[in-house]
Amino acid sequence: MRFIASWNLGLAVLGGLGVAAYLAGIHLDLSWLRLSSKAVPVLCLAVWLWPPRERYARWIAAGLALSLVGDMVLEVDGQLFLHALGAFLLAHVAYAAAYLSVSRTPRWGLGALFLLFGAGTWLFLRPYLGEMALPVGIYIAVICTMMWRAAALVGADGLARREQWAALMGALCFGLSDTLLAIRLFVSPVAGMGYAIMLLYWAGQLGIARSALSTRSRTQGVSQTQPLASAASAGP
């Protein structure tokens, strides 16, 4: 137990150092520092969840891995934006699949809210997108679906209330981060916006990863008690 606490603390410190290093790279305009540190926070979250034994945790882990791909592709070469967009799109598909594995209750009212948000965002961005209108529109549809399914988790069975809210807050932070990123890329760059984009992105990934932690812990608890149960049933 003490080892697990120390391990988690070490991951938290390493992830925090990655965040600080990347933000310093933005401030100092050091591409090598950004490249070497950008993946660290999400990589720490993926290790934190390892091993993901239940279906929900496996989908979340897949989303984190795909996000890592998107992070690195985007940082290595901005010309590969579409490739990075595709990796993040698949990450949102994985997250939505995780949420659907817990609850498939439609919650159409919530769906309508996210539909309006997505449509409004796309209409706002449309004059600035040019040839990117279609891929960005598809991406908006997918991330809004992911946020809808995260919202639909709240109050459902199969996931603790704290994890439900972690998933929702993580999804909303991710969505807000991507909205700000789209404004910076396609509409008008605003000084200092990069800091907010990345902090919201990491907060979103943290919330999403946190929502899968209880499923991993529960599975580990079961696996640890099975040998004891087997020994007890065997008798003297």
Protein backbone atom coordinates (compact mmCIF):
# COMPACT_ATOMS: atom_id res chain seq x y z
CA MET A 1 0.00 0.00 0.00
CA ARG A 2 2.85 2.35 0.89
CA PHE A 3 4.58 1.46 -2.38
CA ILE A 4 1.40 2.30 -4.36
CA ALA A 5 1.10 5.68 -2.61
CA SER A 6 4.76 6.46 -3.31
CA TRP A 7 4.38 5.34 -6.94
CA ASN A 8 1.33 7.57 -7.44
CA LEU A 9 3.14 10.51 -5.81
CA GLY A 10 6.11 9.96 -8.11
CA LEU A 11 3.87 9.95 -11.17
CA ALA A 12 2.14 13.13 -9.97
CA VAL A 13 5.49 14.89 -9.47
CA LEU A 14 6.79 13.72 -12.85
CA GLY A 15 3.57 14.80 -14.56
CA GLY A 16 3.72 18.19 -12.85
CA LEU A 17 7.31 18.65 -13.97
CA GLY A 18 6.23 17.83 -17.52
CA VAL A 19 3.51 20.48 -17.35
CA ALA A 20 5.95 23.07 -15.98
CA ALA A 21 8.59 22.24 -18.59
CA TYR A 22 6.14 22.49 -21.48
CA LEU A 23 4.75 25.82 -20.27
CA ALA A 24 8.31 27.07 -19.90
CA GLY A 25 8.93 25.94 -23.46
CA ILE A 26 5.99 28.05 -24.61
CA HIS A 27 7.22 31.07 -22.64
CA LEU A 28 10.83 30.77 -23.83
CA ASP A 29 9.88 29.60 -27.34
CA LEU A 30 12.07 26.50 -27.06
CA SER A 31 10.76 23.86 -29.44
CA TRP A 32 13.08 21.16 -28.06
CA LEU A 33 11.75 21.69 -24.54
CA ARG A 34 8.14 21.52 -25.73
CA LEU A 35 8.83 18.39 -27.77
CA SER A 36 10.61 16.59 -24.94
CA SER A 37 7.98 17.40 -22.30
CA LYS A 38 4.60 17.51 -24.01
CA ALA A 39 3.84 13.79 -23.76
CA VAL A 40 4.95 13.44 -20.13
CA PRO A 41 1.68 14.40 -18.34
CA VAL A 42 -0.57 12.11 -20.41
CA LEU A 43 2.02 9.33 -20.33
CA CYS A 44 1.98 9.54 -16.52
CA LEU A 45 -1.81 9.25 -16.56
CA ALA A 46 -1.60 6.17 -18.77
CA VAL A 47 0.92 4.56 -16.41
CA TRP A 48 -1.29 5.53 -13.45
CA LEU A 49 -4.13 3.47 -14.95
CA TRP A 50 -1.98 0.49 -15.84
CA PRO A 51 -3.04 -2.28 -16.12
CA PRO A 52 -6.55 -1.47 -17.40
CA ARG A 53 -8.38 -4.75 -16.80
CA GLU A 54 -12.04 -3.75 -17.14
CA ARG A 55 -13.62 -2.68 -20.42
CA TYR A 56 -14.23 0.90 -19.30
CA ALA A 57 -10.61 1.35 -18.21
CA ARG A 58 -9.32 -0.26 -21.41
CA TRP A 59 -11.24 2.21 -23.57
CA ILE A 60 -9.94 5.11 -21.48
CA ALA A 61 -6.38 3.79 -21.77
CA ALA A 62 -6.82 3.53 -25.54
CA GLY A 63 -7.98 7.15 -25.64
CA LEU A 64 -4.94 8.26 -23.66
CA ALA A 65 -2.62 6.36 -26.02
CA LEU A 66 -4.25 7.92 -29.08
CA SER A 67 -3.98 11.35 -27.45
CA LEU A 68 -0.27 10.76 -26.96
CA VAL A 69 0.05 10.07 -30.68
CA GLY A 70 -1.83 13.27 -31.47
CA ASP A 71 0.30 15.27 -29.04
CA MET A 72 3.57 14.16 -30.54
CA VAL A 73 2.50 14.39 -34.19
CA LEU A 74 1.25 17.94 -33.68
CA GLU A 75 4.38 18.99 -31.83
CA VAL A 76 6.81 17.39 -34.29
CA ASP A 77 5.34 19.04 -37.38
CA GLY A 78 2.42 21.48 -37.55
CA GLN A 79 1.98 20.47 -41.19
CA LEU A 80 0.70 17.12 -39.93
CA PHE A 81 -2.30 18.79 -38.33
CA LEU A 82 -4.80 16.51 -40.08
CA HIS A 83 -2.98 13.42 -38.84
CA ALA A 84 -3.01 14.76 -35.29
CA LEU A 85 -6.69 15.66 -35.68
CA GLY A 86 -7.40 12.09 -36.72
CA ALA A 87 -5.58 10.69 -33.68
CA PHE A 88 -7.53 12.94 -31.30
CA LEU A 89 -10.78 12.10 -33.10
CA LEU A 90 -10.13 8.40 -32.47
CA ALA A 91 -9.31 9.23 -28.84
CA HIS A 92 -12.76 10.81 -28.47
CA VAL A 93 -14.32 7.75 -30.09
CA ALA A 94 -12.55 5.60 -27.47
CA TYR A 95 -13.76 7.83 -24.64
CA ALA A 96 -17.32 7.78 -25.97
CA ALA A 97 -17.13 3.98 -26.24
CA ALA A 98 -16.04 3.86 -22.59
CA TYR A 99 -19.02 5.95 -21.52
CA LEU A 100 -21.39 3.85 -23.62
CA SER A 101 -20.05 0.71 -21.96
CA VAL A 102 -21.48 2.06 -18.69
CA SER A 103 -24.74 3.62 -19.89
CA ARG A 104 -26.59 3.76 -23.19
CA THR A 105 -29.49 5.81 -21.87
CA PRO A 106 -29.99 8.44 -24.61
CA ARG A 107 -30.64 11.56 -22.46
CA TRP A 108 -31.85 13.37 -25.58
CA GLY A 109 -32.15 16.72 -23.79
CA LEU A 110 -28.44 16.70 -23.04
CA GLY A 111 -27.76 15.56 -26.58
CA ALA A 112 -29.67 18.55 -27.92
CA LEU A 113 -27.58 20.95 -25.82
CA PHE A 114 -24.33 19.57 -27.17
CA LEU A 115 -25.75 19.54 -30.69
CA LEU A 116 -26.49 23.25 -30.37
CA PHE A 117 -23.03 23.91 -28.98
CA GLY A 118 -21.36 21.98 -31.79
CA ALA A 119 -23.47 23.58 -34.52
CA GLY A 120 -22.86 27.05 -33.12
CA THR A 121 -19.12 26.43 -32.89
CA TRP A 122 -18.93 25.15 -36.46
CA LEU A 123 -21.01 28.05 -37.82
CA PHE A 124 -18.75 30.51 -36.01
CA LEU A 125 -15.58 28.88 -37.38
CA ARG A 126 -16.90 28.12 -40.87
CA PRO A 127 -15.86 31.42 -42.57
CA TYR A 128 -12.26 30.86 -41.46
CA LEU A 129 -11.87 27.15 -42.21
CA GLY A 130 -11.64 26.96 -46.00
CA GLU A 131 -10.74 23.41 -47.03
CA MET A 132 -10.65 22.37 -43.38
CA ALA A 133 -14.40 22.86 -42.99
CA LEU A 134 -15.28 19.17 -43.45
CA PRO A 135 -12.62 17.55 -41.22
CA VAL A 136 -13.12 20.16 -38.50
CA GLY A 137 -16.89 19.70 -38.74
CA ILE A 138 -16.52 15.92 -38.32
CA TYR A 139 -14.19 16.44 -35.37
CA ILE A 140 -16.65 18.82 -33.70
CA ALA A 141 -19.44 16.26 -34.14
CA VAL A 142 -17.34 13.52 -32.55
CA ILE A 143 -16.12 15.55 -29.56
CA CYS A 144 -19.63 16.84 -28.89
CA THR A 145 -20.86 13.23 -28.95
CA MET A 146 -18.15 12.35 -26.45
CA MET A 147 -19.20 15.21 -24.14
CA TRP A 148 -22.86 14.20 -24.46
CA ARG A 149 -22.11 10.62 -23.45
CA ALA A 150 -20.01 11.85 -20.51
CA ALA A 151 -22.92 14.00 -19.36
CA ALA A 152 -25.29 11.06 -19.80
CA LEU A 153 -23.19 9.07 -17.30
CA VAL A 154 -24.21 11.28 -14.37
CA GLY A 155 -26.82 9.44 -12.32
CA ALA A 156 -26.35 6.15 -14.17
CA ASP A 157 -25.51 2.81 -12.56
CA GLY A 158 -22.18 1.10 -13.11
CA LEU A 159 -19.83 3.93 -12.12
CA ALA A 160 -19.43 5.72 -8.80
CA ARG A 161 -20.79 9.26 -8.59
CA ARG A 162 -17.34 10.79 -8.11
CA GLU A 163 -16.06 9.05 -11.24
CA GLN A 164 -19.13 10.16 -13.20
CA TRP A 165 -18.42 13.80 -12.40
CA ALA A 166 -14.72 13.33 -13.10
CA ALA A 167 -15.58 12.01 -16.56
CA LEU A 168 -17.96 14.90 -17.24
CA MET A 169 -15.61 17.63 -16.04
CA GLY A 170 -12.75 16.05 -17.96
CA ALA A 171 -14.80 15.92 -21.16
CA LEU A 172 -15.92 19.54 -20.79
CA CYS A 173 -12.36 20.75 -20.15
CA PHE A 174 -11.18 18.84 -23.22
CA GLY A 175 -13.96 20.37 -25.31
CA LEU A 176 -13.20 23.90 -24.10
CA SER A 177 -9.49 23.40 -24.77
CA ASP A 178 -10.17 22.32 -28.34
CA THR A 179 -12.56 25.23 -28.87
CA LEU A 180 -9.90 27.71 -27.80
CA LEU A 181 -7.34 25.90 -29.97
CA ALA A 182 -9.61 26.21 -33.01
CA ILE A 183 -10.06 29.93 -32.37
CA ARG A 184 -6.30 30.40 -32.07
CA LEU A 185 -5.55 28.37 -35.21
CA PHE A 186 -8.30 29.56 -37.53
CA VAL A 187 -9.68 32.87 -36.25
CA SER A 188 -7.18 34.97 -34.33
CA PRO A 189 -4.25 34.06 -32.07
CA VAL A 190 -4.54 35.67 -28.65
CA ALA A 191 -1.50 36.27 -26.47
CA GLY A 192 -1.30 33.75 -23.66
CA MET A 193 -4.03 31.51 -25.04
CA GLY A 194 -1.60 28.60 -25.42
CA TYR A 195 -1.26 28.33 -21.64
CA ALA A 196 -5.02 28.06 -21.13
CA ILE A 197 -5.37 25.56 -23.97
CA MET A 198 -2.79 23.19 -22.53
CA LEU A 199 -3.88 23.52 -18.91
CA LEU A 200 -7.48 22.78 -19.86
CA TYR A 201 -6.33 19.87 -22.03
CA TRP A 202 -4.34 18.28 -19.21
CA ALA A 203 -7.14 18.93 -16.71
CA GLY A 204 -9.51 17.20 -19.12
CA GLN A 205 -7.27 14.17 -19.51
CA LEU A 206 -6.81 14.00 -15.73
CA GLY A 207 -10.57 13.98 -15.14
CA ILE A 208 -11.15 11.33 -17.79
CA ALA A 209 -8.34 9.14 -16.45
CA ARG A 210 -9.60 9.62 -12.87
CA SER A 211 -13.00 8.29 -13.90
CA ALA A 212 -11.40 4.92 -14.71
CA LEU A 213 -9.31 4.63 -11.57
CA SER A 214 -11.98 2.99 -9.40
CA THR A 215 -12.60 0.25 -11.99
CA ARG A 216 -8.88 -0.58 -12.01
CA SER A 217 -8.69 -0.52 -8.22
CA ARG A 218 -11.77 -2.70 -7.87
CA THR A 219 -10.35 -5.28 -10.26
CA GLN A 220 -7.00 -5.27 -8.45
CA GLY A 221 -8.79 -5.77 -5.14
CA VAL A 222 -10.64 -8.77 -6.49
CA SER A 223 -7.47 -10.29 -7.95
CA GLN A 224 -5.64 -9.83 -4.64
CA THR A 225 -8.39 -11.53 -2.60
CA GLN A 226 -8.79 -14.51 -4.91
CA PRO A 227 -5.66 -16.35 -3.64
CA LEU A 228 -6.84 -15.86 -0.05
CA ALA A 229 -10.30 -17.13 -0.91
CA SER A 230 -8.82 -20.16 -2.65
CA ALA A 231 -6.61 -20.94 0.34
CA ALA A 232 -9.53 -20.61 2.73
CA SER A 233 -11.74 -22.91 0.66
CA ALA A 234 -8.96 -25.50 0.48
CA GLY A 235 -8.98 -25.81 4.26
CA PRO A 236 -6.31 -27.49 6.43
